[in-house]
Amino acid sequence: MFVVFSSALSAFLAYALPKIAVFFGIAILSTAIITPIFEGLKSKALAQVSQNAGSFLNAFELMGGFDCISIIFSAYIAAFALKAAAKAAS
């Protein structure tokens, strides 16, 4: 019985590990790329409203602007990771 379980586990790991590695690799890479882009866009937006930058930033945070942008970026990252995992499966 242990032989059957170990062969099933090894088959599952051979199937799942490449997909998991692709997903985490894309997530780590996109985090390293998107965070500087997001910070650059944030600084440009704050430079445009330089007189009222503090109040703009507080209002934007209060409305959940940064959370909204991070959720949108995360959704695109997840979609890209799932497409890459589907390509790796085939």
C-alpha atoms as a PDB file:
ATOM      1  CA  MET A   1       0.000   0.000   0.000  1.00  0.00           C
ATOM      2  CA  PHE A   2       2.866   2.348   0.751  1.00  0.00           C
ATOM      3  CA  VAL A   3       4.301   1.753  -2.725  1.00  0.00           C
ATOM      4  CA  VAL A   4       1.040   2.827  -4.353  1.00  0.00           C
ATOM      5  CA  PHE A   5       0.830   5.930  -2.187  1.00  0.00           C
ATOM      6  CA  SER A   6       4.445   6.922  -2.844  1.00  0.00           C
ATOM      7  CA  SER A   7       4.084   6.455  -6.606  1.00  0.00           C
ATOM      8  CA  ALA A   8       0.854   8.508  -6.624  1.00  0.00           C
ATOM      9  CA  LEU A   9       2.532  11.228  -4.553  1.00  0.00           C
ATOM     10  CA  SER A  10       5.553  11.342  -6.827  1.00  0.00           C
ATOM     11  CA  ALA A  11       3.321  11.543  -9.908  1.00  0.00           C
ATOM     12  CA  PHE A  12       1.351  14.400  -8.352  1.00  0.00           C
ATOM     13  CA  LEU A  13       4.514  16.279  -7.396  1.00  0.00           C
ATOM     14  CA  ALA A  14       5.937  15.817 -10.884  1.00  0.00           C
ATOM     15  CA  TYR A  15       2.718  17.317 -12.243  1.00  0.00           C
ATOM     16  CA  ALA A  16       2.232  20.138  -9.714  1.00  0.00           C
ATOM     17  CA  LEU A  17       5.727  21.425  -8.917  1.00  0.00           C
ATOM     18  CA  PRO A  18       6.464  22.998 -12.331  1.00  0.00           C
ATOM     19  CA  LYS A  19       3.143  24.861 -12.227  1.00  0.00           C
ATOM     20  CA  ILE A  20       3.739  26.073  -8.682  1.00  0.00           C
ATOM     21  CA  ALA A  21       7.256  27.195  -9.571  1.00  0.00           C
ATOM     22  CA  VAL A  22       5.991  29.154 -12.599  1.00  0.00           C
ATOM     23  CA  PHE A  23       3.299  30.835 -10.522  1.00  0.00           C
ATOM     24  CA  PHE A  24       5.651  31.928  -7.741  1.00  0.00           C
ATOM     25  CA  GLY A  25       8.370  32.951 -10.188  1.00  0.00           C
ATOM     26  CA  ILE A  26       5.986  35.248 -12.040  1.00  0.00           C
ATOM     27  CA  ALA A  27       4.594  36.654  -8.794  1.00  0.00           C
ATOM     28  CA  ILE A  28       8.058  37.471  -7.443  1.00  0.00           C
ATOM     29  CA  LEU A  29       9.225  38.960 -10.731  1.00  0.00           C
ATOM     30  CA  SER A  30       6.128  41.076 -11.166  1.00  0.00           C
ATOM     31  CA  THR A  31       6.400  42.366  -7.605  1.00  0.00           C
ATOM     32  CA  ALA A  32       9.969  43.440  -8.294  1.00  0.00           C
ATOM     33  CA  ILE A  33       8.879  45.190 -11.497  1.00  0.00           C
ATOM     34  CA  ILE A  34       5.498  46.660 -10.575  1.00  0.00           C
ATOM     35  CA  THR A  35       6.476  48.202  -7.227  1.00  0.00           C
ATOM     36  CA  PRO A  36       8.999  50.674  -8.732  1.00  0.00           C
ATOM     37  CA  ILE A  37       6.554  51.548 -11.517  1.00  0.00           C
ATOM     38  CA  PHE A  38       3.813  52.175  -8.960  1.00  0.00           C
ATOM     39  CA  GLU A  39       6.100  54.348  -6.831  1.00  0.00           C
ATOM     40  CA  GLY A  40       7.177  56.334  -9.918  1.00  0.00           C
ATOM     41  CA  LEU A  41       3.573  56.967 -10.929  1.00  0.00           C
ATOM     42  CA  LYS A  42       2.757  57.986  -7.370  1.00  0.00           C
ATOM     43  CA  SER A  43       5.613  60.485  -7.260  1.00  0.00           C
ATOM     44  CA  LYS A  44       4.603  61.940 -10.644  1.00  0.00           C
ATOM     45  CA  ALA A  45       1.026  62.345  -9.471  1.00  0.00           C
ATOM     46  CA  LEU A  46       2.185  64.047  -6.293  1.00  0.00           C
ATOM     47  CA  ALA A  47       4.494  66.345  -8.270  1.00  0.00           C
ATOM     48  CA  GLN A  48       1.545  67.471 -10.388  1.00  0.00           C
ATOM     49  CA  VAL A  49      -0.351  68.583  -7.309  1.00  0.00           C
ATOM     50  CA  SER A  50       2.647  69.934  -5.424  1.00  0.00           C
ATOM     51  CA  GLN A  51       0.755  72.678  -3.546  1.00  0.00           C
ATOM     52  CA  ASN A  52      -1.815  70.326  -2.058  1.00  0.00           C
ATOM     53  CA  ALA A  53       0.223  67.121  -2.126  1.00  0.00           C
ATOM     54  CA  GLY A  54      -0.319  66.293   1.538  1.00  0.00           C
ATOM     55  CA  SER A  55      -4.067  66.735   1.454  1.00  0.00           C
ATOM     56  CA  PHE A  56      -4.305  64.914  -1.894  1.00  0.00           C
ATOM     57  CA  LEU A  57      -2.342  61.989  -0.540  1.00  0.00           C
ATOM     58  CA  ASN A  58      -4.489  61.787   2.594  1.00  0.00           C
ATOM     59  CA  ALA A  59      -7.710  61.939   0.582  1.00  0.00           C
ATOM     60  CA  PHE A  60      -6.450  59.331  -1.894  1.00  0.00           C
ATOM     61  CA  GLU A  61      -5.529  56.974   0.942  1.00  0.00           C
ATOM     62  CA  LEU A  62      -8.853  57.598   2.676  1.00  0.00           C
ATOM     63  CA  MET A  63     -10.761  56.713  -0.507  1.00  0.00           C
ATOM     64  CA  GLY A  64      -8.739  53.517  -0.849  1.00  0.00           C
ATOM     65  CA  GLY A  65      -6.931  54.550  -4.024  1.00  0.00           C
ATOM     66  CA  PHE A  66      -3.714  52.710  -3.263  1.00  0.00           C
ATOM     67  CA  ASP A  67      -5.617  49.556  -2.308  1.00  0.00           C
ATOM     68  CA  CYS A  68      -7.638  49.746  -5.516  1.00  0.00           C
ATOM     69  CA  ILE A  69      -4.534  50.082  -7.666  1.00  0.00           C
ATOM     70  CA  SER A  70      -2.771  47.218  -5.894  1.00  0.00           C
ATOM     71  CA  ILE A  71      -5.830  44.968  -6.309  1.00  0.00           C
ATOM     72  CA  ILE A  72      -5.971  45.739 -10.037  1.00  0.00           C
ATOM     73  CA  PHE A  73      -2.247  45.025 -10.447  1.00  0.00           C
ATOM     74  CA  SER A  74      -2.620  41.796  -8.457  1.00  0.00           C
ATOM     75  CA  ALA A  75      -5.498  40.674 -10.659  1.00  0.00           C
ATOM     76  CA  TYR A  76      -3.419  41.212 -13.790  1.00  0.00           C
ATOM     77  CA  ILE A  77      -0.503  39.351 -12.201  1.00  0.00           C
ATOM     78  CA  ALA A  78      -2.761  36.434 -11.277  1.00  0.00           C
ATOM     79  CA  ALA A  79      -4.202  36.284 -14.796  1.00  0.00           C
ATOM     80  CA  PHE A  80      -0.711  36.332 -16.295  1.00  0.00           C
ATOM     81  CA  ALA A  81       0.476  33.645 -13.870  1.00  0.00           C
ATOM     82  CA  LEU A  82      -2.476  31.409 -14.688  1.00  0.00           C
ATOM     83  CA  LYS A  83      -1.844  31.789 -18.425  1.00  0.00           C
ATOM     84  CA  ALA A  84       1.818  30.943 -17.910  1.00  0.00           C
ATOM     85  CA  ALA A  85       0.890  27.914 -15.815  1.00  0.00           C
ATOM     86  CA  ALA A  86      -1.508  26.768 -18.539  1.00  0.00           C
ATOM     87  CA  LYS A  87       1.278  27.089 -21.128  1.00  0.00           C
ATOM     88  CA  ALA A  88       3.613  25.147 -18.855  1.00  0.00           C
ATOM     89  CA  ALA A  89       1.025  22.391 -18.533  1.00  0.00           C
ATOM     90  CA  SER A  90       0.816  21.859 -22.263  1.00  0.00           C
END
